[in-house]
């Protein structure tokens, strides 16, 4: 998961190193499947936590709702992890 990272202090422990990391996630299945790239995720290395903010979750919901008009069609390869 490569992406732009931004440092800041942890709200729980106060230590430096909290990062906003861009991730890619798959939502839905079948004809409703959509891949959303560059989602900002808060990562707390000292507390071993990661999460999406409420604003990010609302935006994910909006993107999923309007996926047919927003999505770019791509052909992708799929590999099963055995």
Foldseek 3Di string as FASTA:
>chain_A
DDDDWDWDADPPPRDIDWIFGWAWDWDDDDPLIDIDTGQTKIADVVVRDIGHDPVSVVVVVVCSVCVVVPPDDDDDDDDDDD
